[in-house]
Amino acid sequence: MAQITKDMTIGEILRTDINVAPVLMGMGMHCLGCPASQGESLEEAAMVHGLDADLVEKQVNEFLANKA
């Protein structure tokens, strides 16, 4: 299983596992298809949406671990 980091871009994360999309959208990141978001890091996207990047990173990785 790939480890997601807050330095990865949204595009990289979605290419790693597209099933992460609903998790991110559930946190309020509804612009995953936006071309700008594809080059934005998870940390940058979290900041724009007023989220704690460390918490988002943790929740995404927990989702992936439970999915495996």
Protein backbone atom coordinates (compact mmCIF):
# COMPACT_ATOMS: atom_id res chain seq x y z
CA MET A 1 0.00 0.00 0.00
CA ALA A 2 1.27 3.43 -0.90
CA GLN A 3 1.69 5.94 1.90
CA ILE A 4 0.05 9.29 1.16
CA THR A 5 1.89 12.39 2.33
CA LYS A 6 0.74 15.98 2.55
CA ASP A 7 3.49 16.92 0.08
CA MET A 8 1.89 14.82 -2.67
CA THR A 9 -0.31 16.59 -5.20
CA ILE A 10 -4.00 15.87 -5.39
CA GLY A 11 -3.35 14.41 -8.84
CA GLU A 12 -0.71 12.01 -7.49
CA ILE A 13 -3.00 10.92 -4.69
CA LEU A 14 -5.90 10.23 -7.05
CA ARG A 15 -3.61 8.31 -9.42
CA THR A 16 -2.42 6.24 -6.45
CA ASP A 17 -6.00 5.26 -5.59
CA ILE A 18 -9.06 6.92 -7.11
CA ASN A 19 -11.15 5.53 -4.22
CA VAL A 20 -9.67 8.30 -2.05
CA ALA A 21 -11.82 10.85 -3.92
CA PRO A 22 -14.98 10.33 -1.81
CA VAL A 23 -12.91 10.60 1.37
CA LEU A 24 -11.48 13.97 0.29
CA MET A 25 -14.87 15.16 -0.95
CA GLY A 26 -16.41 14.17 2.37
CA MET A 27 -13.98 16.55 4.04
CA GLY A 28 -15.14 19.41 1.83
CA MET A 29 -12.65 19.16 -1.04
CA HIS A 30 -15.21 19.26 -3.84
CA CYS A 31 -12.85 20.61 -6.49
CA LEU A 32 -10.89 17.40 -7.15
CA GLY A 33 -11.61 17.60 -10.87
CA CYS A 34 -10.46 21.20 -11.13
CA PRO A 35 -7.27 21.44 -13.22
CA ALA A 36 -5.62 23.67 -10.61
CA SER A 37 -6.18 21.13 -7.84
CA GLN A 38 -4.27 18.46 -9.74
CA GLY A 39 -1.01 20.33 -9.15
CA GLU A 40 -1.85 21.45 -5.64
CA SER A 41 -0.33 19.57 -2.70
CA LEU A 42 -2.59 17.96 -0.14
CA GLU A 43 -1.26 20.46 2.37
CA GLU A 44 -2.13 23.42 0.10
CA ALA A 45 -5.60 22.02 -0.62
CA ALA A 46 -6.23 21.49 3.09
CA MET A 47 -5.18 25.06 3.84
CA VAL A 48 -7.50 26.47 1.14
CA HIS A 49 -10.39 24.50 2.65
CA GLY A 50 -9.56 25.39 6.25
CA LEU A 51 -8.56 21.85 7.16
CA ASP A 52 -5.68 20.48 9.21
CA ALA A 53 -3.31 18.88 6.67
CA ASP A 54 -1.95 16.41 9.20
CA LEU A 55 -5.46 15.22 10.02
CA VAL A 56 -6.40 14.90 6.34
CA GLU A 57 -3.21 12.93 5.68
CA LYS A 58 -3.96 10.64 8.63
CA GLN A 59 -7.56 10.01 7.59
CA VAL A 60 -6.63 9.24 3.99
CA ASN A 61 -3.96 6.79 5.10
CA GLU A 62 -6.35 5.15 7.59
CA PHE A 63 -8.89 4.75 4.78
CA LEU A 64 -6.28 3.12 2.55
CA ALA A 65 -5.08 0.84 5.35
CA ASN A 66 -8.63 -0.31 6.12
CA LYS A 67 -9.33 -0.87 2.44
CA ALA A 68 -6.36 -3.20 1.99
